[in-house]
Amino acid sequence: MATLSRKERDRQLRRSDILKAAEHLFALKGYNKATIRDIAKEAQYGTGTVYLHFKDKNALYFALFEEKFKSLLSIIEEKVGQAKDAPGKLRAFVRESLAFFEQSCDFFRIFISEDDKLAVESKISRSPTGRQFHEHAVNLIRQAQDEGEISRDFDPGQIGEVFSAIQKTIVLDWFKKDKTERKSLSGLSDIILRYLLKGVGSK
């Protein structure tokens, strides 16, 4: 592995400092109220340094999502790799996703409270990490079909969209509740798996 130059190490450190400051302030003030000036002050850099790394607050916002989802994907790949069959892998995928959202609830509240949710969701779903996250779920669904756990009558991509919608609905409902009313979000993973593998029929 090539050794990074001091200049590159410094660049990466500044970028990391700015992202950490932005995450803190977005959670504290909300996306709309936090400014580049605030973020620069929090990171202890000049505003010009922030703009050297990110063209505007919107670019910084989505860079944070990329970083978060890369971290989530790394956790999921590890846990899924430990499962022995498709249902176990899907369960690990859902549980780790929900646990991650719960542990990072202050950050993800930014996304949920964002005014133009459809535009935000569309941009995230088209991002490299967003596509990788979806493709990972579709591959697990395809494996479940190969093992006879999910019917082959349905396209795995379409099932993936439904799977994603179920998770999103449950997560959004959880976030809307008062903190005193919330149960463990990751504890809802079995409900999602039941919806996916068995449906909601009584038999």
C-alpha atoms as a PDB file:
ATOM      1  CA  MET A   1       0.000   0.000   0.000  1.00  0.00           C
ATOM      2  CA  ALA A   2       1.406   3.379  -1.022  1.00  0.00           C
ATOM      3  CA  THR A   3       2.256   5.777   1.789  1.00  0.00           C
ATOM      4  CA  LEU A   4       0.284   9.015   1.658  1.00  0.00           C
ATOM      5  CA  SER A   5       2.214  12.235   1.363  1.00  0.00           C
ATOM      6  CA  ARG A   6       2.054  14.699   4.245  1.00  0.00           C
ATOM      7  CA  LYS A   7       0.031  17.052   2.047  1.00  0.00           C
ATOM      8  CA  GLU A   8      -2.550  14.342   1.341  1.00  0.00           C
ATOM      9  CA  ARG A   9      -2.734  13.338   5.014  1.00  0.00           C
ATOM     10  CA  ASP A  10      -3.340  16.945   5.973  1.00  0.00           C
ATOM     11  CA  ARG A  11      -6.017  17.259   3.292  1.00  0.00           C
ATOM     12  CA  GLN A  12      -7.827  14.167   4.528  1.00  0.00           C
ATOM     13  CA  LEU A  13      -7.593  15.342   8.144  1.00  0.00           C
ATOM     14  CA  ARG A  14      -9.128  18.733   7.269  1.00  0.00           C
ATOM     15  CA  ARG A  15     -11.914  17.041   5.335  1.00  0.00           C
ATOM     16  CA  SER A  16     -12.628  14.698   8.252  1.00  0.00           C
ATOM     17  CA  ASP A  17     -12.655  17.615  10.719  1.00  0.00           C
ATOM     18  CA  ILE A  18     -15.116  19.522   8.539  1.00  0.00           C
ATOM     19  CA  LEU A  19     -17.434  16.519   8.182  1.00  0.00           C
ATOM     20  CA  LYS A  20     -17.445  15.937  11.946  1.00  0.00           C
ATOM     21  CA  ALA A  21     -18.213  19.608  12.594  1.00  0.00           C
ATOM     22  CA  ALA A  22     -20.998  19.590  10.012  1.00  0.00           C
ATOM     23  CA  GLU A  23     -22.568  16.444  11.456  1.00  0.00           C
ATOM     24  CA  HIS A  24     -22.577  17.973  14.931  1.00  0.00           C
ATOM     25  CA  LEU A  25     -24.087  21.281  13.812  1.00  0.00           C
ATOM     26  CA  PHE A  26     -26.645  19.770  11.452  1.00  0.00           C
ATOM     27  CA  ALA A  27     -27.898  17.626  14.340  1.00  0.00           C
ATOM     28  CA  LEU A  28     -27.785  20.563  16.770  1.00  0.00           C
ATOM     29  CA  LYS A  29     -29.242  23.347  14.611  1.00  0.00           C
ATOM     30  CA  GLY A  30     -30.809  21.550  11.668  1.00  0.00           C
ATOM     31  CA  TYR A  31     -29.642  21.685   8.080  1.00  0.00           C
ATOM     32  CA  ASN A  32     -31.316  24.982   7.190  1.00  0.00           C
ATOM     33  CA  LYS A  33     -30.007  26.947  10.187  1.00  0.00           C
ATOM     34  CA  ALA A  34     -26.423  25.683  10.163  1.00  0.00           C
ATOM     35  CA  THR A  35     -24.167  27.804   7.931  1.00  0.00           C
ATOM     36  CA  ILE A  36     -20.807  27.217   6.319  1.00  0.00           C
ATOM     37  CA  ARG A  37     -19.433  29.911   8.623  1.00  0.00           C
ATOM     38  CA  ASP A  38     -20.750  27.974  11.651  1.00  0.00           C
ATOM     39  CA  ILE A  39     -19.215  24.748  10.377  1.00  0.00           C
ATOM     40  CA  ALA A  40     -15.853  26.393   9.689  1.00  0.00           C
ATOM     41  CA  LYS A  41     -15.803  27.886  13.191  1.00  0.00           C
ATOM     42  CA  GLU A  42     -16.725  24.524  14.759  1.00  0.00           C
ATOM     43  CA  ALA A  43     -13.936  22.802  12.793  1.00  0.00           C
ATOM     44  CA  GLN A  44     -11.522  25.674  13.638  1.00  0.00           C
ATOM     45  CA  TYR A  45     -10.820  26.492  10.000  1.00  0.00           C
ATOM     46  CA  GLY A  46     -11.538  29.468   7.804  1.00  0.00           C
ATOM     47  CA  THR A  47     -14.593  29.384   5.533  1.00  0.00           C
ATOM     48  CA  GLY A  48     -12.250  29.303   2.547  1.00  0.00           C
ATOM     49  CA  THR A  49     -10.851  25.975   3.742  1.00  0.00           C
ATOM     50  CA  VAL A  50     -14.358  24.497   3.840  1.00  0.00           C
ATOM     51  CA  TYR A  51     -15.034  25.670   0.292  1.00  0.00           C
ATOM     52  CA  LEU A  52     -11.769  24.107  -0.883  1.00  0.00           C
ATOM     53  CA  HIS A  53     -13.222  20.720   0.063  1.00  0.00           C
ATOM     54  CA  PHE A  54     -16.950  21.224  -0.610  1.00  0.00           C
ATOM     55  CA  LYS A  55     -18.477  23.585  -3.153  1.00  0.00           C
ATOM     56  CA  ASP A  56     -21.481  24.354  -0.931  1.00  0.00           C
ATOM     57  CA  LYS A  57     -23.494  23.155   2.068  1.00  0.00           C
ATOM     58  CA  ASN A  58     -25.515  20.783  -0.102  1.00  0.00           C
ATOM     59  CA  ALA A  59     -22.357  18.986  -1.278  1.00  0.00           C
ATOM     60  CA  LEU A  60     -21.195  18.737   2.331  1.00  0.00           C
ATOM     61  CA  TYR A  61     -24.561  17.339   3.387  1.00  0.00           C
ATOM     62  CA  PHE A  62     -24.474  14.522   0.843  1.00  0.00           C
ATOM     63  CA  ALA A  63     -20.808  13.790   1.494  1.00  0.00           C
ATOM     64  CA  LEU A  64     -21.861  13.059   5.074  1.00  0.00           C
ATOM     65  CA  PHE A  65     -24.472  10.598   3.843  1.00  0.00           C
ATOM     66  CA  GLU A  66     -21.893   8.845   1.720  1.00  0.00           C
ATOM     67  CA  GLU A  67     -19.577   8.512   4.710  1.00  0.00           C
ATOM     68  CA  LYS A  68     -22.387   7.207   6.928  1.00  0.00           C
ATOM     69  CA  PHE A  69     -23.604   4.632   4.421  1.00  0.00           C
ATOM     70  CA  LYS A  70     -20.075   3.433   3.669  1.00  0.00           C
ATOM     71  CA  SER A  71     -19.696   2.732   7.373  1.00  0.00           C
ATOM     72  CA  LEU A  72     -23.066   0.969   7.454  1.00  0.00           C
ATOM     73  CA  LEU A  73     -22.212  -1.174   4.425  1.00  0.00           C
ATOM     74  CA  SER A  74     -18.950  -2.256   6.034  1.00  0.00           C
ATOM     75  CA  ILE A  75     -20.825  -3.405   9.153  1.00  0.00           C
ATOM     76  CA  ILE A  76     -23.507  -5.169   7.097  1.00  0.00           C
ATOM     77  CA  GLU A  77     -20.986  -7.035   4.944  1.00  0.00           C
ATOM     78  CA  GLU A  78     -19.246  -8.337   8.064  1.00  0.00           C
ATOM     79  CA  LYS A  79     -22.449  -9.487   9.803  1.00  0.00           C
ATOM     80  CA  VAL A  80     -24.063 -10.902   6.659  1.00  0.00           C
ATOM     81  CA  GLY A  81     -20.889 -12.877   5.970  1.00  0.00           C
ATOM     82  CA  GLN A  82     -21.292 -14.618   9.318  1.00  0.00           C
ATOM     83  CA  ALA A  83     -24.838 -15.867   8.568  1.00  0.00           C
ATOM     84  CA  LYS A  84     -25.297 -19.375   7.154  1.00  0.00           C
ATOM     85  CA  ASP A  85     -28.423 -19.032   4.997  1.00  0.00           C
ATOM     86  CA  ALA A  86     -30.458 -16.443   3.118  1.00  0.00           C
ATOM     87  CA  PRO A  87     -32.998 -15.724   5.906  1.00  0.00           C
ATOM     88  CA  GLY A  88     -30.112 -15.276   8.343  1.00  0.00           C
ATOM     89  CA  LYS A  89     -28.341 -12.933   5.955  1.00  0.00           C
ATOM     90  CA  LEU A  90     -31.502 -10.886   5.378  1.00  0.00           C
ATOM     91  CA  ARG A  91     -32.096 -10.728   9.130  1.00  0.00           C
ATOM     92  CA  ALA A  92     -28.531  -9.474   9.666  1.00  0.00           C
ATOM     93  CA  PHE A  93     -28.984  -6.904   6.889  1.00  0.00           C
ATOM     94  CA  VAL A  94     -32.177  -5.529   8.436  1.00  0.00           C
ATOM     95  CA  ARG A  95     -31.046  -5.673  12.061  1.00  0.00           C
ATOM     96  CA  GLU A  96     -27.733  -3.926  11.406  1.00  0.00           C
ATOM     97  CA  SER A  97     -29.434  -1.275   9.256  1.00  0.00           C
ATOM     98  CA  LEU A  98     -32.010  -0.494  11.934  1.00  0.00           C
ATOM     99  CA  ALA A  99     -29.421  -0.537  14.727  1.00  0.00           C
ATOM    100  CA  PHE A 100     -27.285   1.900  12.749  1.00  0.00           C
ATOM    101  CA  PHE A 101     -30.204   4.296  12.203  1.00  0.00           C
ATOM    102  CA  GLU A 102     -31.089   4.092  15.892  1.00  0.00           C
ATOM    103  CA  GLN A 103     -27.538   4.765  17.057  1.00  0.00           C
ATOM    104  CA  SER A 104     -27.220   7.697  14.639  1.00  0.00           C
ATOM    105  CA  CYS A 105     -30.744   9.027  15.147  1.00  0.00           C
ATOM    106  CA  ASP A 106     -29.643  12.658  15.659  1.00  0.00           C
ATOM    107  CA  PHE A 107     -27.922  12.642  12.296  1.00  0.00           C
ATOM    108  CA  PHE A 108     -30.642  10.827  10.369  1.00  0.00           C
ATOM    109  CA  ARG A 109     -33.256  13.180  11.773  1.00  0.00           C
ATOM    110  CA  ILE A 110     -31.718  15.756   9.414  1.00  0.00           C
ATOM    111  CA  PHE A 111     -32.767  13.619   6.463  1.00  0.00           C
ATOM    112  CA  ILE A 112     -36.248  12.971   7.815  1.00  0.00           C
ATOM    113  CA  SER A 113     -36.914  16.637   8.564  1.00  0.00           C
ATOM    114  CA  GLU A 114     -35.565  17.852   5.239  1.00  0.00           C
ATOM    115  CA  ASP A 115     -38.164  19.945   3.353  1.00  0.00           C
ATOM    116  CA  ASP A 116     -37.784  18.363  -0.074  1.00  0.00           C
ATOM    117  CA  LYS A 117     -37.696  14.669   0.932  1.00  0.00           C
ATOM    118  CA  LEU A 118     -38.324  13.333  -2.572  1.00  0.00           C
ATOM    119  CA  ALA A 119     -35.379  15.226  -4.047  1.00  0.00           C
ATOM    120  CA  VAL A 120     -33.126  14.125  -1.203  1.00  0.00           C
ATOM    121  CA  GLU A 121     -34.196  10.478  -1.482  1.00  0.00           C
ATOM    122  CA  SER A 122     -33.722  10.529  -5.239  1.00  0.00           C
ATOM    123  CA  LYS A 123     -30.200  11.905  -4.963  1.00  0.00           C
ATOM    124  CA  ILE A 124     -29.234   9.400  -2.277  1.00  0.00           C
ATOM    125  CA  SER A 125     -30.669   6.443  -4.205  1.00  0.00           C
ATOM    126  CA  ARG A 126     -28.596   7.480  -7.248  1.00  0.00           C
ATOM    127  CA  SER A 127     -25.393   7.925  -5.252  1.00  0.00           C
ATOM    128  CA  PRO A 128     -22.720   5.193  -5.522  1.00  0.00           C
ATOM    129  CA  THR A 129     -23.242   4.077  -1.927  1.00  0.00           C
ATOM    130  CA  GLY A 130     -27.022   4.259  -2.185  1.00  0.00           C
ATOM    131  CA  ARG A 131     -26.960   2.015  -5.262  1.00  0.00           C
ATOM    132  CA  GLN A 132     -24.541  -0.379  -3.569  1.00  0.00           C
ATOM    133  CA  PHE A 133     -26.822  -0.597  -0.520  1.00  0.00           C
ATOM    134  CA  HIS A 134     -29.831  -1.430  -2.705  1.00  0.00           C
ATOM    135  CA  GLU A 135     -27.882  -3.938  -4.827  1.00  0.00           C
ATOM    136  CA  HIS A 136     -26.724  -5.716  -1.682  1.00  0.00           C
ATOM    137  CA  ALA A 137     -30.345  -6.176  -0.589  1.00  0.00           C
ATOM    138  CA  VAL A 138     -31.365  -7.395  -4.057  1.00  0.00           C
ATOM    139  CA  ASN A 139     -28.542  -9.943  -4.097  1.00  0.00           C
ATOM    140  CA  LEU A 140     -29.701 -11.308  -0.733  1.00  0.00           C
ATOM    141  CA  ILE A 141     -33.267 -11.538  -2.050  1.00  0.00           C
ATOM    142  CA  ARG A 142     -32.009 -13.382  -5.128  1.00  0.00           C
ATOM    143  CA  GLN A 143     -30.176 -15.834  -2.858  1.00  0.00           C
ATOM    144  CA  ALA A 144     -33.380 -16.324  -0.846  1.00  0.00           C
ATOM    145  CA  GLN A 145     -35.155 -17.184  -4.110  1.00  0.00           C
ATOM    146  CA  ASP A 146     -32.443 -19.711  -4.954  1.00  0.00           C
ATOM    147  CA  GLU A 147     -32.951 -21.326  -1.538  1.00  0.00           C
ATOM    148  CA  GLY A 148     -36.736 -21.442  -1.985  1.00  0.00           C
ATOM    149  CA  GLU A 149     -37.454 -18.897   0.774  1.00  0.00           C
ATOM    150  CA  ILE A 150     -38.945 -16.322  -1.621  1.00  0.00           C
ATOM    151  CA  SER A 151     -41.039 -17.075  -4.703  1.00  0.00           C
ATOM    152  CA  ARG A 152     -39.364 -16.841  -8.096  1.00  0.00           C
ATOM    153  CA  ASP A 153     -42.617 -15.416  -9.478  1.00  0.00           C
ATOM    154  CA  PHE A 154     -41.373 -11.934  -8.611  1.00  0.00           C
ATOM    155  CA  ASP A 155     -38.489  -9.882  -9.922  1.00  0.00           C
ATOM    156  CA  PRO A 156     -35.817  -9.514  -7.185  1.00  0.00           C
ATOM    157  CA  GLY A 157     -35.375  -5.839  -8.034  1.00  0.00           C
ATOM    158  CA  GLN A 158     -39.071  -5.175  -7.499  1.00  0.00           C
ATOM    159  CA  ILE A 159     -39.029  -7.128  -4.240  1.00  0.00           C
ATOM    160  CA  GLY A 160     -36.039  -5.014  -3.222  1.00  0.00           C
ATOM    161  CA  GLU A 161     -38.071  -1.845  -3.775  1.00  0.00           C
ATOM    162  CA  VAL A 162     -40.893  -3.208  -1.602  1.00  0.00           C
ATOM    163  CA  PHE A 163     -38.368  -4.347   1.000  1.00  0.00           C
ATOM    164  CA  SER A 164     -36.852  -0.864   1.083  1.00  0.00           C
ATOM    165  CA  ALA A 165     -40.270   0.783   1.356  1.00  0.00           C
ATOM    166  CA  ILE A 166     -41.223  -1.404   4.338  1.00  0.00           C
ATOM    167  CA  GLN A 167     -38.008  -0.539   6.157  1.00  0.00           C
ATOM    168  CA  LYS A 168     -38.385   3.152   5.364  1.00  0.00           C
ATOM    169  CA  THR A 169     -41.973   3.257   6.624  1.00  0.00           C
ATOM    170  CA  ILE A 170     -41.050   1.594   9.925  1.00  0.00           C
ATOM    171  CA  VAL A 171     -38.014   3.845  10.428  1.00  0.00           C
ATOM    172  CA  LEU A 172     -39.992   7.016   9.669  1.00  0.00           C
ATOM    173  CA  ASP A 173     -42.759   5.975  12.060  1.00  0.00           C
ATOM    174  CA  TRP A 174     -40.147   5.311  14.757  1.00  0.00           C
ATOM    175  CA  PHE A 175     -38.559   8.729  14.288  1.00  0.00           C
ATOM    176  CA  LYS A 176     -41.921  10.508  14.517  1.00  0.00           C
ATOM    177  CA  LYS A 177     -42.620   9.072  17.957  1.00  0.00           C
ATOM    178  CA  ASP A 178     -41.612  10.771  21.170  1.00  0.00           C
ATOM    179  CA  LYS A 179     -38.386   9.319  22.593  1.00  0.00           C
ATOM    180  CA  THR A 180     -40.299   8.031  25.630  1.00  0.00           C
ATOM    181  CA  GLU A 181     -42.596   6.002  23.338  1.00  0.00           C
ATOM    182  CA  ARG A 182     -39.884   4.408  21.204  1.00  0.00           C
ATOM    183  CA  LYS A 183     -39.030   0.754  21.478  1.00  0.00           C
ATOM    184  CA  SER A 184     -35.806  -0.674  20.115  1.00  0.00           C
ATOM    185  CA  LEU A 185     -35.708   0.003  16.381  1.00  0.00           C
ATOM    186  CA  SER A 186     -33.456  -2.976  15.698  1.00  0.00           C
ATOM    187  CA  GLY A 187     -35.962  -5.093  17.622  1.00  0.00           C
ATOM    188  CA  LEU A 188     -38.402  -4.539  14.757  1.00  0.00           C
ATOM    189  CA  SER A 189     -36.228  -6.473  12.307  1.00  0.00           C
ATOM    190  CA  ASP A 190     -38.220  -9.693  12.757  1.00  0.00           C
ATOM    191  CA  ILE A 191     -41.425  -7.878  11.797  1.00  0.00           C
ATOM    192  CA  ILE A 192     -39.843  -6.687   8.560  1.00  0.00           C
ATOM    193  CA  LEU A 193     -38.571 -10.194   7.796  1.00  0.00           C
ATOM    194  CA  ARG A 194     -42.035 -11.620   8.422  1.00  0.00           C
ATOM    195  CA  TYR A 195     -43.546  -9.096   5.996  1.00  0.00           C
ATOM    196  CA  LEU A 196     -40.968 -10.040   3.384  1.00  0.00           C
ATOM    197  CA  LEU A 197     -40.875 -13.832   3.782  1.00  0.00           C
ATOM    198  CA  LYS A 198     -44.400 -14.665   4.923  1.00  0.00           C
ATOM    199  CA  GLY A 199     -46.587 -11.655   4.130  1.00  0.00           C
ATOM    200  CA  VAL A 200     -49.344 -10.538   6.447  1.00  0.00           C
ATOM    201  CA  GLY A 201     -51.786 -13.400   5.878  1.00  0.00           C
ATOM    202  CA  SER A 202     -53.104 -15.375   8.825  1.00  0.00           C
ATOM    203  CA  LYS A 203     -51.781 -18.657   7.438  1.00  0.00           C
END
